[in-house]
C-alpha atoms as a PDB file:
ATOM      1  CA  MET A   1      24.884  14.648  -2.219  1.00  0.00           C
ATOM      2  CA  ASN A   2      24.927  15.752   0.892  1.00  0.00           C
ATOM      3  CA  GLN A   3      23.075  15.728   4.061  1.00  0.00           C
ATOM      4  CA  ASP A   4      20.592  18.652   3.601  1.00  0.00           C
ATOM      5  CA  GLU A   5      19.892  17.304   0.700  1.00  0.00           C
ATOM      6  CA  PHE A   6      19.250  13.812   1.301  1.00  0.00           C
ATOM      7  CA  LEU A   7      17.002  15.808   4.636  1.00  0.00           C
ATOM      8  CA  ASN A   8      14.073  17.394   2.425  1.00  0.00           C
ATOM      9  CA  ARG A   9      13.989  14.058  -0.040  1.00  0.00           C
ATOM     10  CA  VAL A  10      13.118  11.943   3.325  1.00  0.00           C
ATOM     11  CA  GLY A  11      10.639  13.998   3.922  1.00  0.00           C
ATOM     12  CA  ASN A  12       9.474  14.368   0.763  1.00  0.00           C
ATOM     13  CA  VAL A  13       8.644  10.042   0.950  1.00  0.00           C
ATOM     14  CA  LYS A  14       8.703   9.920   4.709  1.00  0.00           C
ATOM     15  CA  ILE A  15       5.077   9.127   4.807  1.00  0.00           C
ATOM     16  CA  ARG A  16       4.915   7.089   1.215  1.00  0.00           C
ATOM     17  CA  LEU A  17       6.974   4.770   3.472  1.00  0.00           C
ATOM     18  CA  TYR A  18       4.717   5.057   6.698  1.00  0.00           C
ATOM     19  CA  LYS A  19       2.061   3.673   4.590  1.00  0.00           C
ATOM     20  CA  ILE A  20       4.633   1.027   3.144  1.00  0.00           C
ATOM     21  CA  ALA A  21       5.753  -0.218   6.811  1.00  0.00           C
ATOM     22  CA  TYR A  22       2.280   0.112   8.111  1.00  0.00           C
ATOM     23  CA  MET A  23       0.600  -2.449   5.907  1.00  0.00           C
ATOM     24  CA  TYR A  24       3.520  -4.700   5.965  1.00  0.00           C
ATOM     25  CA  LEU A  25       3.914  -5.143   9.653  1.00  0.00           C
ATOM     26  CA  ASN A  26       0.457  -3.817  10.599  1.00  0.00           C
ATOM     27  CA  ASP A  27       1.858  -1.785  13.515  1.00  0.00           C
ATOM     28  CA  GLU A  28       2.303   1.928  14.219  1.00  0.00           C
ATOM     29  CA  GLN A  29       5.272   1.675  16.149  1.00  0.00           C
ATOM     30  CA  SER A  30       6.268  -1.118  14.250  1.00  0.00           C
ATOM     31  CA  ALA A  31       6.147   0.869  11.201  1.00  0.00           C
ATOM     32  CA  LEU A  32       7.869   4.095  13.033  1.00  0.00           C
ATOM     33  CA  ASP A  33      11.067   1.596  14.482  1.00  0.00           C
ATOM     34  CA  ALA A  34      11.537   0.306  10.709  1.00  0.00           C
ATOM     35  CA  VAL A  35      11.227   3.504   8.724  1.00  0.00           C
ATOM     36  CA  GLN A  36      13.498   5.227  10.978  1.00  0.00           C
ATOM     37  CA  GLU A  37      15.915   2.404  10.460  1.00  0.00           C
ATOM     38  CA  ALA A  38      15.366   2.916   6.658  1.00  0.00           C
ATOM     39  CA  ILE A  39      16.330   6.036   7.290  1.00  0.00           C
ATOM     40  CA  TYR A  40      19.132   5.744   9.577  1.00  0.00           C
ATOM     41  CA  LEU A  41      20.702   3.252   7.036  1.00  0.00           C
ATOM     42  CA  ALA A  42      19.752   4.682   3.674  1.00  0.00           C
ATOM     43  CA  LEU A  43      22.212   7.776   5.556  1.00  0.00           C
ATOM     44  CA  LYS A  44      24.563   5.840   6.997  1.00  0.00           C
ATOM     45  CA  SER A  45      24.766   4.006   2.866  1.00  0.00           C
ATOM     46  CA  LEU A  46      24.169   7.018   1.052  1.00  0.00           C
ATOM     47  CA  ARG A  47      27.890   7.394  -0.778  1.00  0.00           C
ATOM     48  CA  LYS A  48      26.578   3.638  -2.417  1.00  0.00           C
ATOM     49  CA  LEU A  49      23.438   6.000  -4.075  1.00  0.00           C
ATOM     50  CA  LYS A  50      25.360   6.074  -7.910  1.00  0.00           C
ATOM     51  CA  GLN A  51      22.443   8.133  -9.532  1.00  0.00           C
ATOM     52  CA  THR A  52      20.293  10.375  -7.448  1.00  0.00           C
ATOM     53  CA  GLU A  53      17.053  10.389  -9.226  1.00  0.00           C
ATOM     54  CA  TYR A  54      16.623   6.966  -8.149  1.00  0.00           C
ATOM     55  CA  PHE A  55      16.743   7.536  -4.153  1.00  0.00           C
ATOM     56  CA  LYS A  56      13.213   7.167  -3.773  1.00  0.00           C
ATOM     57  CA  THR A  57      13.463   3.458  -5.109  1.00  0.00           C
ATOM     58  CA  TRP A  58      16.692   3.266  -2.856  1.00  0.00           C
ATOM     59  CA  ILE A  59      15.374   4.056  -0.276  1.00  0.00           C
ATOM     60  CA  THR A  60      11.908   2.173  -0.528  1.00  0.00           C
ATOM     61  CA  ARG A  61      13.961  -1.042  -1.228  1.00  0.00           C
ATOM     62  CA  ILE A  62      16.021  -0.670   2.227  1.00  0.00           C
ATOM     63  CA  LEU A  63      12.225  -0.620   4.087  1.00  0.00           C
ATOM     64  CA  ILE A  64      10.893  -3.280   2.233  1.00  0.00           C
ATOM     65  CA  ASN A  65      14.058  -4.944   3.482  1.00  0.00           C
ATOM     66  CA  GLU A  66      13.704  -3.699   7.222  1.00  0.00           C
ATOM     67  CA  CYS A  67      10.115  -5.215   7.266  1.00  0.00           C
ATOM     68  CA  LEU A  68      10.786  -8.363   5.874  1.00  0.00           C
ATOM     69  CA  LYS A  69      13.292  -8.998   8.558  1.00  0.00           C
ATOM     70  CA  GLU A  70      11.345  -7.472  11.008  1.00  0.00           C
ATOM     71  CA  LEU A  71       8.193  -9.845   9.668  1.00  0.00           C
ATOM     72  CA  ARG A  72      11.145 -13.101   9.908  1.00  0.00           C
ATOM     73  CA  HIS A  73      12.415 -11.978  13.709  1.00  0.00           C
ATOM     74  CA  ARG A  74       8.399 -11.540  14.347  1.00  0.00           C
ATOM     75  CA  LYS A  75       7.651 -15.623  13.940  1.00  0.00           C
ATOM     76  CA  ARG A  76      10.209 -16.875  15.959  1.00  0.00           C
ATOM     77  CA  ILE A  77       8.223 -15.134  18.587  1.00  0.00           C
ATOM     78  CA  HIS A  78       5.058 -15.469  17.311  1.00  0.00           C
ATOM     79  CA  PHE A  79       5.679 -19.081  17.784  1.00  0.00           C
ATOM     80  CA  ILE A  80       6.724 -19.088  21.592  1.00  0.00           C
ATOM     81  CA  ASP A  81       4.024 -16.142  22.289  1.00  0.00           C
ATOM     82  CA  ASP A  82       1.587 -18.535  20.612  1.00  0.00           C
ATOM     83  CA  PHE A  83       3.279 -21.762  22.525  1.00  0.00           C
ATOM     84  CA  LYS A  84       2.445 -19.706  25.902  1.00  0.00           C
ATOM     85  CA  THR A  85      -1.209 -18.670  24.992  1.00  0.00           C
ATOM     86  CA  VAL A  86      -1.713 -22.433  24.575  1.00  0.00           C
ATOM     87  CA  LEU A  87      -0.357 -23.524  27.917  1.00  0.00           C
ATOM     88  CA  LYS A  88      -2.350 -20.651  29.545  1.00  0.00           C
ATOM     89  CA  GLY A  89      -5.603 -21.498  27.547  1.00  0.00           C
ATOM     90  CA  SER A  90      -6.549 -18.246  27.583  1.00  0.00           C
ATOM     91  CA  TYR A  91      -7.376 -16.189  23.702  1.00  0.00           C
ATOM     92  CA  ASP A  92      -7.639 -12.393  22.517  1.00  0.00           C
ATOM     93  CA  TYR A  93      -9.746 -12.472  19.503  1.00  0.00           C
ATOM     94  CA  ASN A  94      -9.634  -9.014  17.361  1.00  0.00           C
ATOM     95  CA  TYR A  95     -13.037  -8.764  15.869  1.00  0.00           C
ATOM     96  CA  ASP A  96     -12.191  -5.582  14.378  1.00  0.00           C
ATOM     97  CA  ASN A  97      -9.819  -7.024  11.826  1.00  0.00           C
ATOM     98  CA  LEU A  98     -11.193  -6.470   8.020  1.00  0.00           C
ATOM     99  CA  PRO A  99     -11.568  -9.441   5.569  1.00  0.00           C
ATOM    100  CA  LEU A 100      -9.549  -7.661   3.031  1.00  0.00           C
ATOM    101  CA  LYS A 101      -6.371  -6.676   5.481  1.00  0.00           C
ATOM    102  CA  GLU A 102      -6.680 -10.051   6.898  1.00  0.00           C
ATOM    103  CA  ALA A 103      -6.169 -11.402   3.168  1.00  0.00           C
ATOM    104  CA  ILE A 104      -3.624  -8.938   2.416  1.00  0.00           C
ATOM    105  CA  LYS A 105      -1.447 -10.714   5.419  1.00  0.00           C
ATOM    106  CA  ALA A 106      -2.584 -14.372   4.369  1.00  0.00           C
ATOM    107  CA  LEU A 107      -0.575 -13.995   0.935  1.00  0.00           C
ATOM    108  CA  PRO A 108       3.644 -14.618   0.503  1.00  0.00           C
ATOM    109  CA  ASN A 109       5.409 -11.776   0.805  1.00  0.00           C
ATOM    110  CA  ASN A 110       6.328 -11.712  -2.516  1.00  0.00           C
ATOM    111  CA  LEU A 111       2.647 -10.873  -4.113  1.00  0.00           C
ATOM    112  CA  LYS A 112       2.208  -9.122  -0.457  1.00  0.00           C
ATOM    113  CA  SER A 113       4.441  -6.406  -1.497  1.00  0.00           C
ATOM    114  CA  ILE A 114       3.259  -5.910  -5.006  1.00  0.00           C
ATOM    115  CA  VAL A 115      -0.091  -5.433  -3.621  1.00  0.00           C
ATOM    116  CA  ILE A 116       1.137  -2.732  -0.837  1.00  0.00           C
ATOM    117  CA  LEU A 117       3.019  -1.353  -3.306  1.00  0.00           C
ATOM    118  CA  LYS A 118       0.261  -0.655  -6.208  1.00  0.00           C
ATOM    119  CA  TYR A 119      -3.067  -0.659  -4.678  1.00  0.00           C
ATOM    120  CA  PHE A 120      -2.251   1.250  -0.836  1.00  0.00           C
ATOM    121  CA  CYS A 121       1.161   3.135  -2.358  1.00  0.00           C
ATOM    122  CA  GLY A 122      -0.228   3.553  -5.349  1.00  0.00           C
ATOM    123  CA  TYR A 123       2.953   3.275  -7.525  1.00  0.00           C
ATOM    124  CA  THR A 124       3.339   1.534 -11.034  1.00  0.00           C
ATOM    125  CA  LEU A 125       3.615  -1.394 -11.590  1.00  0.00           C
ATOM    126  CA  GLU A 126       6.471  -0.231 -13.385  1.00  0.00           C
ATOM    127  CA  GLU A 127       7.852   1.503 -10.342  1.00  0.00           C
ATOM    128  CA  THR A 128       7.156  -1.385  -8.530  1.00  0.00           C
ATOM    129  CA  SER A 129       9.180  -3.291 -10.670  1.00  0.00           C
ATOM    130  CA  GLN A 130      12.200  -0.629  -9.411  1.00  0.00           C
ATOM    131  CA  PHE A 131      11.442  -0.933  -6.030  1.00  0.00           C
ATOM    132  CA  LEU A 132      11.669  -4.581  -5.529  1.00  0.00           C
ATOM    133  CA  ASN A 133      14.537  -4.924  -8.923  1.00  0.00           C
ATOM    134  CA  ILE A 134      12.478  -7.684 -10.649  1.00  0.00           C
ATOM    135  CA  PRO A 135      11.777  -8.187 -13.666  1.00  0.00           C
ATOM    136  CA  LEU A 136       8.472  -5.991 -14.931  1.00  0.00           C
ATOM    137  CA  GLY A 137       6.485  -8.852 -16.527  1.00  0.00           C
ATOM    138  CA  THR A 138       6.609 -10.431 -13.412  1.00  0.00           C
ATOM    139  CA  VAL A 139       5.328  -8.337 -11.329  1.00  0.00           C
ATOM    140  CA  ALA A 140       2.647  -8.141 -13.620  1.00  0.00           C
ATOM    141  CA  THR A 141       2.202 -11.953 -13.270  1.00  0.00           C
ATOM    142  CA  ARG A 142       2.560 -11.829  -9.707  1.00  0.00           C
ATOM    143  CA  HIS A 143      -0.032  -8.625  -9.970  1.00  0.00           C
ATOM    144  CA  ARG A 144      -2.716 -10.788 -11.436  1.00  0.00           C
ATOM    145  CA  LYS A 145      -1.492 -14.550  -9.359  1.00  0.00           C
ATOM    146  CA  SER A 146      -2.120 -12.095  -5.788  1.00  0.00           C
ATOM    147  CA  LEU A 147      -5.728 -10.466  -7.522  1.00  0.00           C
ATOM    148  CA  GLY A 148      -7.072 -13.659  -7.887  1.00  0.00           C
ATOM    149  CA  ILE A 149      -5.825 -15.099  -4.661  1.00  0.00           C
ATOM    150  CA  LEU A 150      -6.709 -12.293  -2.954  1.00  0.00           C
ATOM    151  CA  LYS A 151     -10.923 -12.660  -4.766  1.00  0.00           C
ATOM    152  CA  LEU A 152     -10.632 -16.626  -4.226  1.00  0.00           C
ATOM    153  CA  ASN A 153     -10.204 -15.569  -0.305  1.00  0.00           C
ATOM    154  CA  LEU A 154     -12.900 -13.359   0.036  1.00  0.00           C
ATOM    155  CA  LYS A 155     -15.434 -14.889  -1.835  1.00  0.00           C
ATOM    156  CA  GLU A 156     -14.704 -18.252   0.467  1.00  0.00           C
ATOM    157  CA  GLU A 157     -15.236 -15.297   3.094  1.00  0.00           C
ATOM    158  CA  ASP A 158     -18.653 -14.202   2.148  1.00  0.00           C
ATOM    159  CA  ASN A 159     -19.515 -17.899   1.315  1.00  0.00           C
ATOM    160  CA  TYR A 160     -18.894 -18.919   5.634  1.00  0.00           C
ATOM    161  CA  GLU A 161     -20.812 -16.257   6.668  1.00  0.00           C
END
């Protein structure tokens, strides 16, 4: 695959890549940065892609890895920021979060990935299996488990309000 074909294929999937990154990172600028970094890494390792028909799967996997790397980095920074906030005694409450969005954010990453790819990006469980490089049965099990957890968390939220 040459660079022109690469750019054409990236153009076809860039909106979907952004949606995935945004669902992981919940921040527009971070999502754009993750997409840009994923595209850069994909271009840099383009010769490693053996079968071009798996381009979408390949670049999506690169993006998911970038998002997870960013989330790990944020956890370290978030702890320090929380500590500083507690010391100052001021809290920044955000009242515009939807319960579903919060429930999805609370899921473990392995379950969150499946929910995001299935319901927010429109991928099938088979495609999700390819993106995450795990068996279809595992994806189906995690899918059911994530829906059960979401249902339970949202039901608890309704009971408290």
